[in-house]
Every structure is written in C-alpha cells, then in structure tokens.
Protein backbone atom coordinates (compact mmCIF):
# COMPACT_ATOMS: atom_id res chain seq x y z
CA MET A 1 0.00 -0.01 -0.02
CA LYS A 2 1.28 3.47 -0.93
CA GLY A 3 -0.88 6.29 0.34
CA GLU A 4 -4.40 5.43 -0.70
CA GLU A 5 -3.18 3.23 -3.60
CA VAL A 6 -3.11 -0.59 -3.09
CA TYR A 7 -0.53 -2.52 -5.04
CA ILE A 8 -1.10 -6.25 -5.89
CA ASN A 9 2.14 -8.18 -6.11
CA LEU A 10 1.14 -11.43 -7.76
CA ASN A 11 4.34 -13.17 -6.81
CA PRO A 12 6.83 -11.41 -4.52
CA LYS A 13 9.28 -14.38 -4.86
CA SER A 14 9.78 -14.11 -8.57
CA PRO A 15 9.84 -11.30 -11.28
CA TYR A 16 8.83 -13.73 -13.96
CA TYR A 17 5.22 -13.85 -15.07
CA ALA A 18 5.53 -17.57 -15.85
CA ASP A 19 5.76 -18.16 -12.13
CA VAL A 20 2.48 -16.32 -11.49
CA ILE A 21 -0.04 -18.42 -13.48
CA GLY A 22 -3.47 -17.67 -12.19
CA GLY A 23 -2.67 -14.05 -11.51
CA CYS A 24 -5.30 -12.85 -13.89
CA LYS A 25 -8.07 -14.28 -11.77
CA THR A 26 -6.55 -12.80 -8.65
CA LEU A 27 -6.34 -9.40 -10.35
CA MET A 28 -9.93 -9.66 -11.70
CA LYS A 29 -11.18 -10.49 -8.19
CA ALA A 30 -9.22 -7.72 -6.51
CA GLU A 31 -10.42 -5.15 -8.99
CA GLY A 32 -14.08 -6.33 -9.18
CA LEU A 33 -13.85 -6.97 -12.93
CA SER A 34 -16.24 -9.33 -14.76
CA LEU A 35 -16.65 -10.59 -18.29
CA PRO A 36 -16.81 -9.72 -21.11
CA LEU A 37 -13.30 -8.08 -21.15
CA ARG A 38 -10.73 -7.40 -23.78
CA ALA A 39 -7.04 -6.87 -23.14
CA THR A 40 -4.22 -5.32 -25.27
CA VAL A 41 -0.67 -6.25 -24.21
CA VAL A 42 1.79 -3.90 -25.56
CA VAL A 43 5.34 -5.40 -25.94
CA LEU A 44 8.20 -2.94 -26.24
CA VAL A 45 11.52 -3.93 -27.69
CA GLU A 46 13.19 -2.05 -24.79
CA GLY A 47 11.31 -4.28 -22.27
CA ASN A 48 12.92 -6.50 -19.59
CA GLY A 49 10.63 -9.59 -19.97
CA VAL A 50 11.43 -12.71 -22.02
CA GLU A 51 9.19 -14.48 -24.63
CA ALA A 52 8.18 -17.11 -22.04
CA ASP A 53 6.69 -14.27 -19.83
CA LEU A 54 4.66 -13.00 -22.74
CA LEU A 55 3.34 -16.43 -23.63
CA ALA A 56 2.46 -17.16 -19.92
CA LEU A 57 0.68 -13.74 -19.65
CA VAL A 58 -1.31 -14.31 -22.77
CA GLU A 59 -2.31 -17.84 -21.72
CA ASP A 60 -3.28 -16.62 -18.30
CA ILE A 61 -5.43 -13.84 -19.72
CA LYS A 62 -7.11 -16.22 -22.22
CA SER A 63 -7.78 -18.79 -19.42
CA CYS A 64 -9.93 -16.11 -17.68
CA GLY A 65 -12.13 -15.86 -20.78
CA ILE A 66 -10.66 -12.53 -21.85
CA GLU A 67 -10.00 -11.72 -25.51
CA VAL A 68 -6.39 -10.69 -25.86
CA GLU A 69 -4.42 -8.76 -28.57
CA VAL A 70 -0.61 -8.49 -28.56
CA LEU A 71 1.06 -5.40 -30.07
CA ARG A 72 4.75 -5.50 -30.57
CA SER A 73 6.53 -2.26 -31.25
CA GLY A 74 9.52 -0.19 -30.64
CA PHE A 75 8.79 2.68 -28.19
CA SER A 76 9.12 5.48 -30.79
CA GLU A 77 6.50 3.68 -33.05
CA LEU A 78 3.74 3.89 -30.55
CA PRO A 79 1.05 6.51 -31.31
CA TRP A 80 1.07 8.22 -27.91
CA LYS A 81 4.84 8.51 -28.04
CA ARG A 82 4.65 10.28 -31.36
CA SER A 83 2.04 12.75 -30.03
CA MET A 84 4.40 13.55 -27.08
CA GLN A 85 7.27 14.64 -29.38
C-alpha cells in the first residue's frame, strides 16, 4: 500500500510472469472485474521480460475468458509516443 493506492504483487518471490499463472483471476477479483473483457498487451523492444513471460501472460489472460491482442513495437513507433514529441 502506498498512500491510498493498493498494489497487488502477484508473486513477491519471482519477477517472472511464468511463475504467477493464475494471477489474472486474482487481479480480476481484487479489482471487481467481470466478463466480457478485452485486453491489449503492448510489448516494447526495450522491455525486460522474455518471450516465456509474454506467452504465460497471454495464456493466463485467455484462461480467464478474456479476448487478448498483442502489439509488438519499438517505443518510438507507438502513437502516444509520437504525439508527445
């Protein structure tokens, strides 16, 4: 918790998403979200994750019944980055 903000750490023992399978359901419950939902995962070339993390995240999202789209881009190619320049 930071001030009035509550942070959910799905797995404090590991930085890898592959070790947090089931985290999507935990997050949905904590945030009071319900279906139908759609998610967009933006993957930046400058990121710190590995491909296994992305695959695990996408699989976890899909297992919750959420439609998921993956966008891969360099940071400078993203629309909101262009509008900030």
